[in-house]
Amino acid sequence: MIFSILLTAVFLFMAVYSFAFIRPNAIRFLLCLAYFVGIFFVWNPDITSTIAHFFGIGRGLDFFLILLLVAIINALVLLARHINSQHRAVTNLARYIALQNARPGDNKTE
C-alpha cells in the first residue's frame, strides 16, 4: 500500500512536470496519458496479468518490463541521433568561426 502511494505520487509529479515543461502538445498529452495509465495499473495490478496473458506472456510484470525495455532502447537511439546532430552543428560552427578569424598571411605556428 505504501509503495502504491509512493508510485502514485511519483507519477503525478512526472505528469505535472511534463505538462509544465514539455512544449509539443502531442508529446505532453502522450506522456500524461502514460503516467495516468501507470497510476491505474499501480492500483489494479491484476489487469496487467490479463493483458499479458492476451499477448501470450505469463505475468503482467514481464510484459511491462518488455515494453519498458523497448521504450528505453528507442529513447537511447533518439538520444544518440540528437547528440550526433548537435556534434555536427558544433563542428560546423567551429569551422565557421575559425574561417572568420583566419587572416591571410598570418601564420601563428612559426
N, C-alpha and C. Protein backbone atom coordinates (compact mmCIF):
# COMPACT_ATOMS: atom_id res chain seq x y z
N MET A 1 0.82 -1.20 0.00
CA MET A 1 0.00 0.00 0.00
C MET A 1 0.86 1.26 0.00
N ILE A 2 1.92 1.26 0.82
CA ILE A 2 2.79 2.43 0.90
C ILE A 2 3.50 2.63 -0.44
N PHE A 3 3.94 1.54 -1.06
CA PHE A 3 4.63 1.65 -2.35
C PHE A 3 3.68 2.15 -3.43
N SER A 4 2.42 1.75 -3.38
CA SER A 4 1.44 2.24 -4.35
C SER A 4 1.23 3.74 -4.21
N ILE A 5 1.19 4.21 -2.97
CA ILE A 5 1.04 5.65 -2.75
C ILE A 5 2.28 6.39 -3.25
N LEU A 6 3.45 5.83 -2.98
CA LEU A 6 4.69 6.46 -3.44
C LEU A 6 4.75 6.51 -4.97
N LEU A 7 4.41 5.40 -5.63
CA LEU A 7 4.41 5.39 -7.09
C LEU A 7 3.38 6.36 -7.66
N THR A 8 2.23 6.45 -7.03
CA THR A 8 1.22 7.40 -7.48
C THR A 8 1.74 8.83 -7.37
N ALA A 9 2.41 9.14 -6.28
CA ALA A 9 2.97 10.48 -6.11
C ALA A 9 4.03 10.76 -7.16
N VAL A 10 4.88 9.78 -7.45
CA VAL A 10 5.92 9.96 -8.47
C VAL A 10 5.29 10.18 -9.84
N PHE A 11 4.31 9.36 -10.19
CA PHE A 11 3.65 9.51 -11.49
C PHE A 11 2.94 10.86 -11.60
N LEU A 12 2.30 11.29 -10.54
CA LEU A 12 1.63 12.59 -10.57
C LEU A 12 2.64 13.72 -10.73
N PHE A 13 3.77 13.64 -10.03
CA PHE A 13 4.81 14.65 -10.18
C PHE A 13 5.32 14.68 -11.61
N MET A 14 5.55 13.50 -12.19
CA MET A 14 6.05 13.44 -13.56
C MET A 14 5.02 13.99 -14.54
N ALA A 15 3.75 13.75 -14.30
CA ALA A 15 2.70 14.28 -15.18
C ALA A 15 2.65 15.80 -15.09
N VAL A 16 2.72 16.34 -13.88
CA VAL A 16 2.70 17.80 -13.72
C VAL A 16 3.94 18.41 -14.36
N TYR A 17 5.10 17.78 -14.16
CA TYR A 17 6.34 18.27 -14.76
C TYR A 17 6.23 18.26 -16.29
N SER A 18 5.71 17.18 -16.86
CA SER A 18 5.56 17.09 -18.31
C SER A 18 4.60 18.15 -18.82
N PHE A 19 3.52 18.34 -18.10
CA PHE A 19 2.53 19.33 -18.52
C PHE A 19 3.12 20.74 -18.47
N ALA A 20 4.01 20.99 -17.51
CA ALA A 20 4.56 22.33 -17.35
C ALA A 20 5.72 22.62 -18.30
N PHE A 21 6.54 21.61 -18.60
CA PHE A 21 7.79 21.90 -19.30
C PHE A 21 7.94 21.27 -20.68
N ILE A 22 7.09 20.35 -21.06
CA ILE A 22 7.18 19.75 -22.39
C ILE A 22 6.34 20.60 -23.33
N ARG A 23 6.93 21.08 -24.40
CA ARG A 23 6.26 22.03 -25.28
C ARG A 23 5.35 21.41 -26.34
N PRO A 24 5.79 20.45 -27.13
CA PRO A 24 4.82 19.95 -28.13
C PRO A 24 3.61 19.33 -27.42
N ASN A 25 2.43 19.81 -27.76
CA ASN A 25 1.23 19.35 -27.07
C ASN A 25 0.97 17.86 -27.24
N ALA A 26 1.31 17.30 -28.40
CA ALA A 26 1.07 15.87 -28.62
C ALA A 26 1.94 15.03 -27.70
N ILE A 27 3.19 15.40 -27.55
CA ILE A 27 4.09 14.65 -26.66
C ILE A 27 3.65 14.82 -25.21
N ARG A 28 3.27 16.05 -24.85
CA ARG A 28 2.78 16.31 -23.50
C ARG A 28 1.56 15.44 -23.19
N PHE A 29 0.64 15.36 -24.15
CA PHE A 29 -0.57 14.56 -23.95
C PHE A 29 -0.22 13.08 -23.80
N LEU A 30 0.66 12.57 -24.65
CA LEU A 30 1.02 11.15 -24.58
C LEU A 30 1.73 10.80 -23.27
N LEU A 31 2.62 11.68 -22.82
CA LEU A 31 3.30 11.42 -21.56
C LEU A 31 2.32 11.42 -20.39
N CYS A 32 1.46 12.41 -20.34
CA CYS A 32 0.48 12.46 -19.24
C CYS A 32 -0.46 11.26 -19.29
N LEU A 33 -0.86 10.86 -20.48
CA LEU A 33 -1.69 9.67 -20.61
C LEU A 33 -0.96 8.43 -20.09
N ALA A 34 0.32 8.30 -20.43
CA ALA A 34 1.10 7.16 -19.97
C ALA A 34 1.23 7.16 -18.44
N TYR A 35 1.42 8.33 -17.84
CA TYR A 35 1.53 8.39 -16.38
C TYR A 35 0.21 8.02 -15.71
N PHE A 36 -0.91 8.48 -16.27
CA PHE A 36 -2.19 8.14 -15.67
C PHE A 36 -2.54 6.67 -15.86
N VAL A 37 -2.13 6.09 -16.98
CA VAL A 37 -2.30 4.65 -17.17
C VAL A 37 -1.43 3.90 -16.16
N GLY A 38 -0.22 4.41 -15.92
CA GLY A 38 0.65 3.81 -14.91
C GLY A 38 0.03 3.84 -13.53
N ILE A 39 -0.59 4.96 -13.19
CA ILE A 39 -1.28 5.05 -11.90
C ILE A 39 -2.42 4.03 -11.83
N PHE A 40 -3.16 3.90 -12.93
CA PHE A 40 -4.25 2.92 -12.96
C PHE A 40 -3.73 1.51 -12.73
N PHE A 41 -2.61 1.17 -13.37
CA PHE A 41 -2.06 -0.18 -13.23
C PHE A 41 -1.43 -0.40 -11.85
N VAL A 42 -0.94 0.66 -11.22
CA VAL A 42 -0.41 0.52 -9.86
C VAL A 42 -1.52 0.10 -8.90
N TRP A 43 -2.71 0.66 -9.09
CA TRP A 43 -3.81 0.35 -8.18
C TRP A 43 -4.63 -0.86 -8.62
N ASN A 44 -4.45 -1.33 -9.88
CA ASN A 44 -5.16 -2.51 -10.39
C ASN A 44 -4.17 -3.46 -11.07
N PRO A 45 -3.29 -4.09 -10.30
CA PRO A 45 -2.23 -4.91 -10.93
C PRO A 45 -2.75 -6.18 -11.60
N ASP A 46 -3.92 -6.65 -11.24
CA ASP A 46 -4.45 -7.87 -11.86
C ASP A 46 -4.76 -7.67 -13.33
N ILE A 47 -5.07 -6.46 -13.72
CA ILE A 47 -5.38 -6.18 -15.13
C ILE A 47 -4.14 -6.39 -15.99
N THR A 48 -2.95 -6.10 -15.43
CA THR A 48 -1.72 -6.30 -16.20
C THR A 48 -1.51 -7.77 -16.55
N SER A 49 -1.88 -8.65 -15.64
CA SER A 49 -1.77 -10.09 -15.93
C SER A 49 -2.74 -10.51 -17.03
N THR A 50 -3.92 -9.94 -17.02
CA THR A 50 -4.90 -10.24 -18.07
C THR A 50 -4.38 -9.78 -19.43
N ILE A 51 -3.81 -8.59 -19.47
CA ILE A 51 -3.25 -8.08 -20.73
C ILE A 51 -2.08 -8.94 -21.18
N ALA A 52 -1.22 -9.33 -20.24
CA ALA A 52 -0.06 -10.16 -20.58
C ALA A 52 -0.51 -11.52 -21.12
N HIS A 53 -1.49 -12.14 -20.50
CA HIS A 53 -1.99 -13.43 -20.99
C HIS A 53 -2.57 -13.29 -22.39
N PHE A 54 -3.19 -12.17 -22.69
CA PHE A 54 -3.73 -11.94 -24.03
C PHE A 54 -2.62 -11.97 -25.07
N PHE A 55 -1.43 -11.44 -24.72
CA PHE A 55 -0.30 -11.43 -25.64
C PHE A 55 0.58 -12.66 -25.52
N GLY A 56 0.20 -13.61 -24.69
CA GLY A 56 0.95 -14.86 -24.58
C GLY A 56 2.14 -14.80 -23.64
N ILE A 57 2.13 -13.87 -22.71
CA ILE A 57 3.21 -13.73 -21.73
C ILE A 57 2.65 -14.11 -20.37
N GLY A 58 3.45 -14.80 -19.58
CA GLY A 58 2.97 -15.38 -18.33
C GLY A 58 2.52 -14.39 -17.27
N ARG A 59 3.32 -13.36 -17.02
CA ARG A 59 2.99 -12.42 -15.95
C ARG A 59 2.87 -11.00 -16.50
N GLY A 60 2.09 -10.18 -15.82
CA GLY A 60 1.92 -8.80 -16.22
C GLY A 60 3.20 -8.00 -16.09
N LEU A 61 3.98 -8.30 -15.05
CA LEU A 61 5.23 -7.59 -14.86
C LEU A 61 6.21 -7.87 -16.01
N ASP A 62 6.26 -9.11 -16.45
CA ASP A 62 7.15 -9.45 -17.58
C ASP A 62 6.76 -8.66 -18.83
N PHE A 63 5.48 -8.57 -19.09
CA PHE A 63 5.00 -7.84 -20.26
C PHE A 63 5.42 -6.38 -20.21
N PHE A 64 5.24 -5.75 -19.06
CA PHE A 64 5.58 -4.33 -18.96
C PHE A 64 7.08 -4.09 -18.88
N LEU A 65 7.83 -5.07 -18.40
CA LEU A 65 9.29 -4.93 -18.46
C LEU A 65 9.78 -5.00 -19.91
N ILE A 66 9.15 -5.85 -20.72
CA ILE A 66 9.49 -5.91 -22.14
C ILE A 66 9.16 -4.58 -22.81
N LEU A 67 7.97 -4.03 -22.52
CA LEU A 67 7.61 -2.72 -23.08
C LEU A 67 8.58 -1.63 -22.62
N LEU A 68 8.98 -1.69 -21.35
CA LEU A 68 9.94 -0.72 -20.83
C LEU A 68 11.28 -0.84 -21.54
N LEU A 69 11.73 -2.05 -21.78
CA LEU A 69 12.99 -2.26 -22.48
C LEU A 69 12.93 -1.68 -23.89
N VAL A 70 11.84 -1.91 -24.59
CA VAL A 70 11.68 -1.35 -25.94
C VAL A 70 11.68 0.18 -25.89
N ALA A 71 11.00 0.76 -24.91
CA ALA A 71 10.95 2.22 -24.79
C ALA A 71 12.33 2.79 -24.47
N ILE A 72 13.08 2.12 -23.62
CA ILE A 72 14.42 2.61 -23.27
C ILE A 72 15.34 2.53 -24.47
N ILE A 73 15.30 1.44 -25.22
CA ILE A 73 16.14 1.32 -26.41
C ILE A 73 15.77 2.39 -27.42
N ASN A 74 14.48 2.64 -27.61
CA ASN A 74 14.03 3.69 -28.52
C ASN A 74 14.53 5.06 -28.06
N ALA A 75 14.44 5.34 -26.78
CA ALA A 75 14.91 6.62 -26.25
C ALA A 75 16.42 6.77 -26.44
N LEU A 76 17.17 5.70 -26.24
CA LEU A 76 18.62 5.77 -26.43
C LEU A 76 18.99 6.03 -27.89
N VAL A 77 18.28 5.41 -28.81
CA VAL A 77 18.54 5.65 -30.23
C VAL A 77 18.23 7.10 -30.59
N LEU A 78 17.10 7.62 -30.12
CA LEU A 78 16.75 9.01 -30.39
C LEU A 78 17.75 9.97 -29.76
N LEU A 79 18.19 9.65 -28.55
CA LEU A 79 19.17 10.49 -27.88
C LEU A 79 20.51 10.47 -28.61
N ALA A 80 20.93 9.31 -29.08
CA ALA A 80 22.18 9.21 -29.84
C ALA A 80 22.10 10.02 -31.13
N ARG A 81 20.96 9.96 -31.82
CA ARG A 81 20.79 10.76 -33.04
C ARG A 81 20.85 12.25 -32.73
N HIS A 82 20.23 12.66 -31.63
CA HIS A 82 20.24 14.07 -31.25
C HIS A 82 21.66 14.53 -30.90
N ILE A 83 22.38 13.73 -30.14
CA ILE A 83 23.76 14.08 -29.78
C ILE A 83 24.62 14.17 -31.02
N ASN A 84 24.44 13.25 -31.96
CA ASN A 84 25.20 13.28 -33.20
C ASN A 84 24.92 14.55 -33.99
N SER A 85 23.67 14.94 -34.08
CA SER A 85 23.34 16.17 -34.82
C SER A 85 23.90 17.40 -34.10
N GLN A 86 23.89 17.40 -32.78
CA GLN A 86 24.49 18.50 -32.02
C GLN A 86 26.00 18.56 -32.26
N HIS A 87 26.63 17.41 -32.31
CA HIS A 87 28.07 17.35 -32.58
C HIS A 87 28.39 17.93 -33.95
N ARG A 88 27.59 17.57 -34.94
CA ARG A 88 27.81 18.11 -36.29
C ARG A 88 27.60 19.62 -36.32
N ALA A 89 26.61 20.11 -35.60
CA ALA A 89 26.34 21.55 -35.57
C ALA A 89 27.49 22.30 -34.90
N VAL A 90 28.02 21.77 -33.82
CA VAL A 90 29.14 22.41 -33.12
C VAL A 90 30.39 22.40 -34.01
N THR A 91 30.61 21.29 -34.70
CA THR A 91 31.76 21.20 -35.61
C THR A 91 31.65 22.23 -36.73
N ASN A 92 30.47 22.36 -37.32
CA ASN A 92 30.27 23.36 -38.37
C ASN A 92 30.44 24.78 -37.84
N LEU A 93 29.96 25.04 -36.64
CA LEU A 93 30.12 26.36 -36.03
C LEU A 93 31.59 26.66 -35.77
N ALA A 94 32.33 25.68 -35.27
CA ALA A 94 33.75 25.88 -35.02
C ALA A 94 34.50 26.14 -36.32
N ARG A 95 34.15 25.45 -37.37
CA ARG A 95 34.78 25.70 -38.67
C ARG A 95 34.47 27.11 -39.16
N TYR A 96 33.24 27.52 -39.02
CA TYR A 96 32.83 28.86 -39.46
C TYR A 96 33.60 29.93 -38.69
N ILE A 97 33.68 29.77 -37.37
CA ILE A 97 34.40 30.75 -36.54
C ILE A 97 35.88 30.75 -36.90
N ALA A 98 36.46 29.58 -37.13
CA ALA A 98 37.88 29.51 -37.50
C ALA A 98 38.13 30.21 -38.83
N LEU A 99 37.23 30.03 -39.78
CA LEU A 99 37.40 30.70 -41.07
C LEU A 99 37.21 32.21 -40.95
N GLN A 100 36.31 32.65 -40.09
CA GLN A 100 36.09 34.09 -39.90
C GLN A 100 37.28 34.76 -39.22
N ASN A 101 37.94 34.03 -38.33
CA ASN A 101 39.07 34.58 -37.59
C ASN A 101 40.39 34.42 -38.32
N ALA A 102 40.41 33.65 -39.37
CA ALA A 102 41.66 33.43 -40.11
C ALA A 102 42.00 34.69 -40.90
N ARG A 103 43.27 35.07 -40.83
CA ARG A 103 43.74 36.23 -41.59
C ARG A 103 44.74 35.75 -42.63
N PRO A 104 44.60 36.21 -43.85
CA PRO A 104 45.57 35.80 -44.87
C PRO A 104 46.97 36.30 -44.52
N GLY A 105 47.95 35.41 -44.61
CA GLY A 105 49.33 35.76 -44.35
C GLY A 105 49.71 35.75 -42.89
N ASP A 106 48.79 35.53 -41.99
CA ASP A 106 49.09 35.49 -40.56
C ASP A 106 49.30 34.05 -40.15
N ASN A 107 50.53 33.65 -39.90
CA ASN A 107 50.86 32.28 -39.56
C ASN A 107 51.39 32.25 -38.14
N LYS A 108 50.58 31.86 -37.19
CA LYS A 108 50.94 31.89 -35.78
C LYS A 108 51.72 30.66 -35.35
N THR A 109 51.86 29.66 -36.21
CA THR A 109 52.56 28.44 -35.80
C THR A 109 54.06 28.58 -35.93
N GLU A 110 54.57 29.57 -36.59
CA GLU A 110 56.02 29.72 -36.77
C GLU A 110 56.66 30.46 -35.64
